[in-house]
């Protein structure tokens, strides 16, 4: 009996590459995170086998080509690249041209829309924080982009003479008693406040939270449903649809 190999899904970000094995019905337990480097990715995938690979990326076309080339060296499976589309599964993209929205935002919305089919505030709290609003009919009403917490810290350190904070401490919104504590509390307060203000504006919309700082923001009191692999969920349903169409 032939072994049925899973799919390999990749979310190629600015600072890391997240990967997960999956099949048509859902994500599997095996997955991980590698540095944003094709060689580091190949090392992380040592011993992993897959039948199809798909990636979505915000790292740029040159980097994407390198990732695809390295994947082709370690496996002979096809590599699909998902980009933002005008529409899919009843979700309609507000951007013109549609591909100009970050692919991670599109697939996060797609993953949430396919799961809930109701009004949504989709929050991706990563290097940047994006908030996208989706109406009950699947129309993307637009979104917001603000710096992530570490980008805020870097901006304060680079662009002010008397603030020199190299790392953030544990998340808190309690007021600080020295500059480092004040920066730490301030950036988390700013991130939390920006997201919460949008969620409050759309009280009938389900907030869905993903991204690397999602757990910290939820621990600080942000209200929403945590879906850590939302981008990969969206990529999974997209790949399933593409494979179905190619089989016809």
C-alpha atoms as a PDB file:
ATOM      1  CA  UNK A   1       0.000   0.000   0.000  1.00  0.00           C
ATOM      2  CA  UNK A   2       1.402   3.374  -1.025  1.00  0.00           C
ATOM      3  CA  UNK A   3       2.101   5.870   1.745  1.00  0.00           C
ATOM      4  CA  UNK A   4      -0.041   9.005   1.572  1.00  0.00           C
ATOM      5  CA  UNK A   5       2.291  11.907   2.215  1.00  0.00           C
ATOM      6  CA  UNK A   6       1.051  15.164   3.767  1.00  0.00           C
ATOM      7  CA  UNK A   7       1.342  18.660   2.360  1.00  0.00           C
ATOM      8  CA  UNK A   8       4.006  21.120   3.472  1.00  0.00           C
ATOM      9  CA  UNK A   9       2.700  24.644   4.131  1.00  0.00           C
ATOM     10  CA  UNK A  10       5.035  27.622   4.584  1.00  0.00           C
ATOM     11  CA  UNK A  11       4.357  31.133   5.905  1.00  0.00           C
ATOM     12  CA  UNK A  12       7.436  33.126   4.877  1.00  0.00           C
ATOM     13  CA  UNK A  13       7.617  36.273   6.976  1.00  0.00           C
ATOM     14  CA  UNK A  14      10.029  39.139   7.482  1.00  0.00           C
ATOM     15  CA  UNK A  15      11.829  37.583  10.446  1.00  0.00           C
ATOM     16  CA  UNK A  16      10.958  33.864  10.363  1.00  0.00           C
ATOM     17  CA  UNK A  17       9.560  31.050   8.245  1.00  0.00           C
ATOM     18  CA  UNK A  18       6.754  29.062   9.868  1.00  0.00           C
ATOM     19  CA  UNK A  19       5.967  25.617   8.491  1.00  0.00           C
ATOM     20  CA  UNK A  20       3.361  22.962   9.133  1.00  0.00           C
ATOM     21  CA  UNK A  21       2.315  19.654   7.669  1.00  0.00           C
ATOM     22  CA  UNK A  22      -1.332  19.349   6.651  1.00  0.00           C
ATOM     23  CA  UNK A  23      -3.893  17.487   4.630  1.00  0.00           C
ATOM     24  CA  UNK A  24      -7.155  18.659   3.076  1.00  0.00           C
ATOM     25  CA  UNK A  25      -9.112  18.335   6.331  1.00  0.00           C
ATOM     26  CA  UNK A  26      -6.776  20.300   8.576  1.00  0.00           C
ATOM     27  CA  UNK A  27      -3.313  21.053   9.906  1.00  0.00           C
ATOM     28  CA  UNK A  28      -1.248  18.274  11.452  1.00  0.00           C
ATOM     29  CA  UNK A  29       0.736  18.477  14.669  1.00  0.00           C
ATOM     30  CA  UNK A  30       4.163  18.453  13.052  1.00  0.00           C
ATOM     31  CA  UNK A  31       5.537  21.884  12.280  1.00  0.00           C
ATOM     32  CA  UNK A  32       8.027  24.464  13.391  1.00  0.00           C
ATOM     33  CA  UNK A  33       9.728  27.784  12.906  1.00  0.00           C
ATOM     34  CA  UNK A  34      13.018  28.539  11.185  1.00  0.00           C
ATOM     35  CA  UNK A  35      15.094  31.655  10.737  1.00  0.00           C
ATOM     36  CA  UNK A  36      14.276  33.638   7.612  1.00  0.00           C
ATOM     37  CA  UNK A  37      16.949  31.822   5.635  1.00  0.00           C
ATOM     38  CA  UNK A  38      16.450  29.075   3.014  1.00  0.00           C
ATOM     39  CA  UNK A  39      19.326  27.005   4.393  1.00  0.00           C
ATOM     40  CA  UNK A  40      17.919  27.154   7.923  1.00  0.00           C
ATOM     41  CA  UNK A  41      14.554  26.063   6.538  1.00  0.00           C
ATOM     42  CA  UNK A  42      16.071  23.049   4.759  1.00  0.00           C
ATOM     43  CA  UNK A  43      17.855  22.035   7.957  1.00  0.00           C
ATOM     44  CA  UNK A  44      14.586  22.294   9.902  1.00  0.00           C
ATOM     45  CA  UNK A  45      12.923  20.039   7.324  1.00  0.00           C
ATOM     46  CA  UNK A  46      15.525  17.278   7.547  1.00  0.00           C
ATOM     47  CA  UNK A  47      13.706  13.943   7.484  1.00  0.00           C
ATOM     48  CA  UNK A  48      10.341  15.496   6.559  1.00  0.00           C
ATOM     49  CA  UNK A  49       8.580  14.204   3.427  1.00  0.00           C
ATOM     50  CA  UNK A  50       5.662  15.813   1.600  1.00  0.00           C
ATOM     51  CA  UNK A  51       3.585  15.322  -1.543  1.00  0.00           C
ATOM     52  CA  UNK A  52       2.796  18.984  -2.261  1.00  0.00           C
ATOM     53  CA  UNK A  53       4.293  22.231  -0.952  1.00  0.00           C
ATOM     54  CA  UNK A  54       2.686  25.651  -0.827  1.00  0.00           C
ATOM     55  CA  UNK A  55       3.998  28.940   0.447  1.00  0.00           C
ATOM     56  CA  UNK A  56       2.737  32.410   1.057  1.00  0.00           C
ATOM     57  CA  UNK A  57       5.289  35.144   1.523  1.00  0.00           C
ATOM     58  CA  UNK A  58       5.915  38.796   2.323  1.00  0.00           C
ATOM     59  CA  UNK A  59       9.695  38.423   1.893  1.00  0.00           C
ATOM     60  CA  UNK A  60       9.922  39.518  -1.748  1.00  0.00           C
ATOM     61  CA  UNK A  61      10.189  37.720  -5.074  1.00  0.00           C
ATOM     62  CA  UNK A  62      13.969  37.178  -4.996  1.00  0.00           C
ATOM     63  CA  UNK A  63      13.852  35.514  -1.590  1.00  0.00           C
ATOM     64  CA  UNK A  64      10.811  33.464  -2.630  1.00  0.00           C
ATOM     65  CA  UNK A  65      12.645  32.129  -5.682  1.00  0.00           C
ATOM     66  CA  UNK A  66      15.514  31.040  -3.453  1.00  0.00           C
ATOM     67  CA  UNK A  67      13.140  29.244  -1.078  1.00  0.00           C
ATOM     68  CA  UNK A  68      11.406  27.462  -3.972  1.00  0.00           C
ATOM     69  CA  UNK A  69      14.761  26.460  -5.459  1.00  0.00           C
ATOM     70  CA  UNK A  70      15.970  25.002  -2.166  1.00  0.00           C
ATOM     71  CA  UNK A  71      12.715  23.127  -1.608  1.00  0.00           C
ATOM     72  CA  UNK A  72      13.043  21.658  -5.092  1.00  0.00           C
ATOM     73  CA  UNK A  73      16.535  20.443  -4.207  1.00  0.00           C
ATOM     74  CA  UNK A  74      15.408  18.532  -1.104  1.00  0.00           C
ATOM     75  CA  UNK A  75      12.143  17.173  -2.533  1.00  0.00           C
ATOM     76  CA  UNK A  76      10.629  16.543  -5.950  1.00  0.00           C
ATOM     77  CA  UNK A  77       7.095  17.661  -5.011  1.00  0.00           C
ATOM     78  CA  UNK A  78       5.446  20.616  -6.773  1.00  0.00           C
ATOM     79  CA  UNK A  79       5.719  23.984  -4.999  1.00  0.00           C
ATOM     80  CA  UNK A  80       2.668  26.244  -5.202  1.00  0.00           C
ATOM     81  CA  UNK A  81       2.805  29.933  -4.309  1.00  0.00           C
ATOM     82  CA  UNK A  82      -0.316  31.583  -2.955  1.00  0.00           C
ATOM     83  CA  UNK A  83      -0.901  35.284  -3.584  1.00  0.00           C
ATOM     84  CA  UNK A  84      -3.775  37.584  -2.750  1.00  0.00           C
ATOM     85  CA  UNK A  85      -6.679  37.275  -5.189  1.00  0.00           C
ATOM     86  CA  UNK A  86      -9.738  39.373  -6.090  1.00  0.00           C
ATOM     87  CA  UNK A  87     -11.983  36.816  -4.370  1.00  0.00           C
ATOM     88  CA  UNK A  88     -12.117  33.246  -3.132  1.00  0.00           C
ATOM     89  CA  UNK A  89     -14.850  31.264  -1.327  1.00  0.00           C
ATOM     90  CA  UNK A  90     -17.073  34.355  -1.082  1.00  0.00           C
ATOM     91  CA  UNK A  91     -14.353  36.563   0.437  1.00  0.00           C
ATOM     92  CA  UNK A  92     -13.794  39.715  -1.656  1.00  0.00           C
ATOM     93  CA  UNK A  93     -10.550  41.695  -1.526  1.00  0.00           C
ATOM     94  CA  UNK A  94     -10.841  45.471  -1.047  1.00  0.00           C
ATOM     95  CA  UNK A  95      -7.370  46.231  -2.445  1.00  0.00           C
ATOM     96  CA  UNK A  96      -6.815  47.419  -6.018  1.00  0.00           C
ATOM     97  CA  UNK A  97      -4.903  45.742  -7.491  1.00  0.00           C
ATOM     98  CA  UNK A  98      -5.816  42.770  -5.285  1.00  0.00           C
ATOM     99  CA  UNK A  99      -2.274  41.334  -5.210  1.00  0.00           C
ATOM    100  CA  UNK A 100      -0.964  44.526  -3.567  1.00  0.00           C
ATOM    101  CA  UNK A 101      -2.252  43.450  -0.153  1.00  0.00           C
ATOM    102  CA  UNK A 102       0.178  41.380   1.880  1.00  0.00           C
ATOM    103  CA  UNK A 103      -0.427  37.711   1.111  1.00  0.00           C
ATOM    104  CA  UNK A 104      -0.296  36.874   4.815  1.00  0.00           C
ATOM    105  CA  UNK A 105      -3.210  39.230   5.457  1.00  0.00           C
ATOM    106  CA  UNK A 106      -5.232  37.692   2.641  1.00  0.00           C
ATOM    107  CA  UNK A 107      -4.693  34.126   3.826  1.00  0.00           C
ATOM    108  CA  UNK A 108      -5.391  35.052   7.451  1.00  0.00           C
ATOM    109  CA  UNK A 109      -8.723  36.524   6.330  1.00  0.00           C
ATOM    110  CA  UNK A 110      -9.388  33.496   4.139  1.00  0.00           C
ATOM    111  CA  UNK A 111      -8.691  31.091   7.001  1.00  0.00           C
ATOM    112  CA  UNK A 112     -10.996  32.994   9.348  1.00  0.00           C
ATOM    113  CA  UNK A 113     -13.734  33.453   6.730  1.00  0.00           C
ATOM    114  CA  UNK A 114     -13.812  29.767   5.784  1.00  0.00           C
ATOM    115  CA  UNK A 115     -14.036  28.846   9.473  1.00  0.00           C
ATOM    116  CA  UNK A 116     -16.733  31.292  10.633  1.00  0.00           C
ATOM    117  CA  UNK A 117     -18.567  32.844   7.632  1.00  0.00           C
ATOM    118  CA  UNK A 118     -19.556  35.867   9.747  1.00  0.00           C
ATOM    119  CA  UNK A 119     -18.354  39.470  10.329  1.00  0.00           C
ATOM    120  CA  UNK A 120     -14.717  39.478  11.396  1.00  0.00           C
ATOM    121  CA  UNK A 121     -11.897  41.620  12.750  1.00  0.00           C
ATOM    122  CA  UNK A 122      -8.787  39.653  11.783  1.00  0.00           C
ATOM    123  CA  UNK A 123      -5.730  40.737  13.781  1.00  0.00           C
ATOM    124  CA  UNK A 124      -2.228  39.598  12.839  1.00  0.00           C
ATOM    125  CA  UNK A 125       0.141  40.803  15.557  1.00  0.00           C
ATOM    126  CA  UNK A 126       3.574  40.207  14.099  1.00  0.00           C
ATOM    127  CA  UNK A 127       6.473  42.470  13.132  1.00  0.00           C
ATOM    128  CA  UNK A 128       3.729  44.858  12.077  1.00  0.00           C
ATOM    129  CA  UNK A 129       0.198  44.680  13.441  1.00  0.00           C
ATOM    130  CA  UNK A 130      -2.516  44.417  10.809  1.00  0.00           C
ATOM    131  CA  UNK A 131      -6.252  44.561  11.458  1.00  0.00           C
ATOM    132  CA  UNK A 132      -8.647  43.661   8.652  1.00  0.00           C
ATOM    133  CA  UNK A 133     -12.403  44.076   8.739  1.00  0.00           C
ATOM    134  CA  UNK A 134     -14.649  41.615   6.886  1.00  0.00           C
ATOM    135  CA  UNK A 135     -18.419  42.160   6.601  1.00  0.00           C
ATOM    136  CA  UNK A 136     -21.123  39.508   6.902  1.00  0.00           C
ATOM    137  CA  UNK A 137     -21.264  39.085   3.107  1.00  0.00           C
ATOM    138  CA  UNK A 138     -17.523  38.428   2.881  1.00  0.00           C
ATOM    139  CA  UNK A 139     -16.633  41.913   1.632  1.00  0.00           C
ATOM    140  CA  UNK A 140     -13.274  43.089   2.928  1.00  0.00           C
ATOM    141  CA  UNK A 141     -14.018  46.587   4.212  1.00  0.00           C
ATOM    142  CA  UNK A 142     -10.347  47.532   4.514  1.00  0.00           C
ATOM    143  CA  UNK A 143      -7.852  47.496   7.318  1.00  0.00           C
ATOM    144  CA  UNK A 144      -5.217  49.126   9.481  1.00  0.00           C
ATOM    145  CA  UNK A 145      -1.442  48.717   9.772  1.00  0.00           C
ATOM    146  CA  UNK A 146       0.509  49.880  12.832  1.00  0.00           C
ATOM    147  CA  UNK A 147       4.037  49.062  13.999  1.00  0.00           C
ATOM    148  CA  UNK A 148       4.458  45.974  16.141  1.00  0.00           C
ATOM    149  CA  UNK A 149       5.797  46.364  19.653  1.00  0.00           C
ATOM    150  CA  UNK A 150       9.448  45.829  18.739  1.00  0.00           C
ATOM    151  CA  UNK A 151       9.230  48.229  15.780  1.00  0.00           C
ATOM    152  CA  UNK A 152       7.900  50.859  18.185  1.00  0.00           C
ATOM    153  CA  UNK A 153      10.821  50.202  20.540  1.00  0.00           C
ATOM    154  CA  UNK A 154      13.313  50.455  17.669  1.00  0.00           C
ATOM    155  CA  UNK A 155      11.791  53.744  16.479  1.00  0.00           C
ATOM    156  CA  UNK A 156      12.075  55.300  19.927  1.00  0.00           C
ATOM    157  CA  UNK A 157      15.667  54.113  20.302  1.00  0.00           C
ATOM    158  CA  UNK A 158      16.781  55.225  16.840  1.00  0.00           C
ATOM    159  CA  UNK A 159      15.007  58.569  16.636  1.00  0.00           C
ATOM    160  CA  UNK A 160      15.402  60.015  20.138  1.00  0.00           C
ATOM    161  CA  UNK A 161      18.674  60.954  21.838  1.00  0.00           C
ATOM    162  CA  UNK A 162      17.868  60.042  25.418  1.00  0.00           C
ATOM    163  CA  UNK A 163      16.057  56.727  24.895  1.00  0.00           C
ATOM    164  CA  UNK A 164      18.261  53.684  24.473  1.00  0.00           C
ATOM    165  CA  UNK A 165      16.278  50.499  25.038  1.00  0.00           C
ATOM    166  CA  UNK A 166      17.775  47.461  23.304  1.00  0.00           C
ATOM    167  CA  UNK A 167      15.221  44.832  24.308  1.00  0.00           C
ATOM    168  CA  UNK A 168      11.725  44.676  25.691  1.00  0.00           C
ATOM    169  CA  UNK A 169      10.989  43.157  29.073  1.00  0.00           C
ATOM    170  CA  UNK A 170       7.997  40.971  29.939  1.00  0.00           C
ATOM    171  CA  UNK A 171       4.744  42.454  28.601  1.00  0.00           C
ATOM    172  CA  UNK A 172       3.001  44.838  30.979  1.00  0.00           C
ATOM    173  CA  UNK A 173       0.876  47.959  30.810  1.00  0.00           C
ATOM    174  CA  UNK A 174       1.666  49.135  34.336  1.00  0.00           C
ATOM    175  CA  UNK A 175       3.404  52.530  34.350  1.00  0.00           C
ATOM    176  CA  UNK A 176       7.197  52.354  34.505  1.00  0.00           C
ATOM    177  CA  UNK A 177       9.597  54.011  36.929  1.00  0.00           C
ATOM    178  CA  UNK A 178      12.572  54.235  34.545  1.00  0.00           C
ATOM    179  CA  UNK A 179      12.927  54.815  30.811  1.00  0.00           C
ATOM    180  CA  UNK A 180      13.160  51.150  29.821  1.00  0.00           C
ATOM    181  CA  UNK A 181      10.060  50.279  31.862  1.00  0.00           C
ATOM    182  CA  UNK A 182       8.158  53.240  30.416  1.00  0.00           C
ATOM    183  CA  UNK A 183       9.015  52.235  26.843  1.00  0.00           C
ATOM    184  CA  UNK A 184       8.035  48.640  27.565  1.00  0.00           C
ATOM    185  CA  UNK A 185       4.683  49.633  29.067  1.00  0.00           C
ATOM    186  CA  UNK A 186       4.089  52.244  26.389  1.00  0.00           C
ATOM    187  CA  UNK A 187       4.560  50.033  23.353  1.00  0.00           C
ATOM    188  CA  UNK A 188       2.334  47.286  24.771  1.00  0.00           C
ATOM    189  CA  UNK A 189      -0.290  49.867  25.732  1.00  0.00           C
ATOM    190  CA  UNK A 190      -0.137  51.365  22.229  1.00  0.00           C
ATOM    191  CA  UNK A 191      -0.483  47.982  20.527  1.00  0.00           C
ATOM    192  CA  UNK A 192      -3.309  46.876  22.781  1.00  0.00           C
ATOM    193  CA  UNK A 193      -5.088  50.216  22.467  1.00  0.00           C
ATOM    194  CA  UNK A 194      -4.879  50.319  18.667  1.00  0.00           C
ATOM    195  CA  UNK A 195      -6.358  46.857  18.292  1.00  0.00           C
ATOM    196  CA  UNK A 196      -8.993  47.327  20.966  1.00  0.00           C
ATOM    197  CA  UNK A 197     -10.186  50.606  19.464  1.00  0.00           C
ATOM    198  CA  UNK A 198     -10.960  48.864  16.157  1.00  0.00           C
ATOM    199  CA  UNK A 199     -12.630  45.916  17.871  1.00  0.00           C
ATOM    200  CA  UNK A 200     -14.759  48.326  19.899  1.00  0.00           C
ATOM    201  CA  UNK A 201     -15.807  50.127  16.708  1.00  0.00           C
ATOM    202  CA  UNK A 202     -17.143  46.843  15.294  1.00  0.00           C
ATOM    203  CA  UNK A 203     -18.924  45.205  18.245  1.00  0.00           C
ATOM    204  CA  UNK A 204     -20.812  42.688  16.082  1.00  0.00           C
ATOM    205  CA  UNK A 205     -17.626  41.438  14.397  1.00  0.00           C
ATOM    206  CA  UNK A 206     -15.789  38.418  15.771  1.00  0.00           C
ATOM    207  CA  UNK A 207     -12.181  39.312  16.706  1.00  0.00           C
ATOM    208  CA  UNK A 208      -9.726  36.601  15.622  1.00  0.00           C
ATOM    209  CA  UNK A 209      -6.114  36.965  16.774  1.00  0.00           C
ATOM    210  CA  UNK A 210      -2.992  35.485  15.181  1.00  0.00           C
ATOM    211  CA  UNK A 211       0.690  36.424  14.984  1.00  0.00           C
ATOM    212  CA  UNK A 212       3.714  36.079  17.228  1.00  0.00           C
ATOM    213  CA  UNK A 213       2.686  38.588  19.918  1.00  0.00           C
ATOM    214  CA  UNK A 214      -0.949  37.461  19.946  1.00  0.00           C
ATOM    215  CA  UNK A 215      -0.588  35.397  23.155  1.00  0.00           C
ATOM    216  CA  UNK A 216       0.982  38.319  25.049  1.00  0.00           C
ATOM    217  CA  UNK A 217      -1.733  40.734  23.923  1.00  0.00           C
ATOM    218  CA  UNK A 218      -4.438  38.271  24.944  1.00  0.00           C
ATOM    219  CA  UNK A 219      -2.743  37.807  28.334  1.00  0.00           C
ATOM    220  CA  UNK A 220      -2.831  41.593  28.758  1.00  0.00           C
ATOM    221  CA  UNK A 221      -6.609  41.580  28.312  1.00  0.00           C
ATOM    222  CA  UNK A 222      -7.272  41.806  24.582  1.00  0.00           C
ATOM    223  CA  UNK A 223     -10.541  40.049  23.814  1.00  0.00           C
ATOM    224  CA  UNK A 224     -10.602  37.678  20.870  1.00  0.00           C
ATOM    225  CA  UNK A 225     -10.262  34.127  19.647  1.00  0.00           C
ATOM    226  CA  UNK A 226      -6.672  32.960  19.354  1.00  0.00           C
ATOM    227  CA  UNK A 227      -5.844  31.152  16.093  1.00  0.00           C
ATOM    228  CA  UNK A 228      -2.032  30.887  15.992  1.00  0.00           C
ATOM    229  CA  UNK A 229      -1.880  29.151  12.586  1.00  0.00           C
ATOM    230  CA  UNK A 230      -4.535  31.203  10.810  1.00  0.00           C
ATOM    231  CA  UNK A 231      -2.374  32.108   7.778  1.00  0.00           C
ATOM    232  CA  UNK A 232      -1.512  28.445   7.227  1.00  0.00           C
ATOM    233  CA  UNK A 233      -5.171  27.491   7.643  1.00  0.00           C
ATOM    234  CA  UNK A 234      -6.034  29.875   4.821  1.00  0.00           C
ATOM    235  CA  UNK A 235      -3.197  28.519   2.694  1.00  0.00           C
ATOM    236  CA  UNK A 236      -4.451  24.980   3.347  1.00  0.00           C
ATOM    237  CA  UNK A 237      -7.977  25.632   2.063  1.00  0.00           C
ATOM    238  CA  UNK A 238      -6.549  27.507  -0.935  1.00  0.00           C
ATOM    239  CA  UNK A 239      -4.194  24.648  -1.847  1.00  0.00           C
ATOM    240  CA  UNK A 240      -7.010  22.125  -1.497  1.00  0.00           C
ATOM    241  CA  UNK A 241      -9.080  24.164  -3.957  1.00  0.00           C
ATOM    242  CA  UNK A 242      -6.177  24.504  -6.395  1.00  0.00           C
ATOM    243  CA  UNK A 243      -5.503  20.773  -6.324  1.00  0.00           C
ATOM    244  CA  UNK A 244      -9.176  20.026  -6.911  1.00  0.00           C
ATOM    245  CA  UNK A 245      -9.242  22.353  -9.928  1.00  0.00           C
ATOM    246  CA  UNK A 246      -6.034  20.917 -11.398  1.00  0.00           C
ATOM    247  CA  UNK A 247      -7.460  17.410 -11.136  1.00  0.00           C
ATOM    248  CA  UNK A 248     -10.477  18.282 -13.290  1.00  0.00           C
END
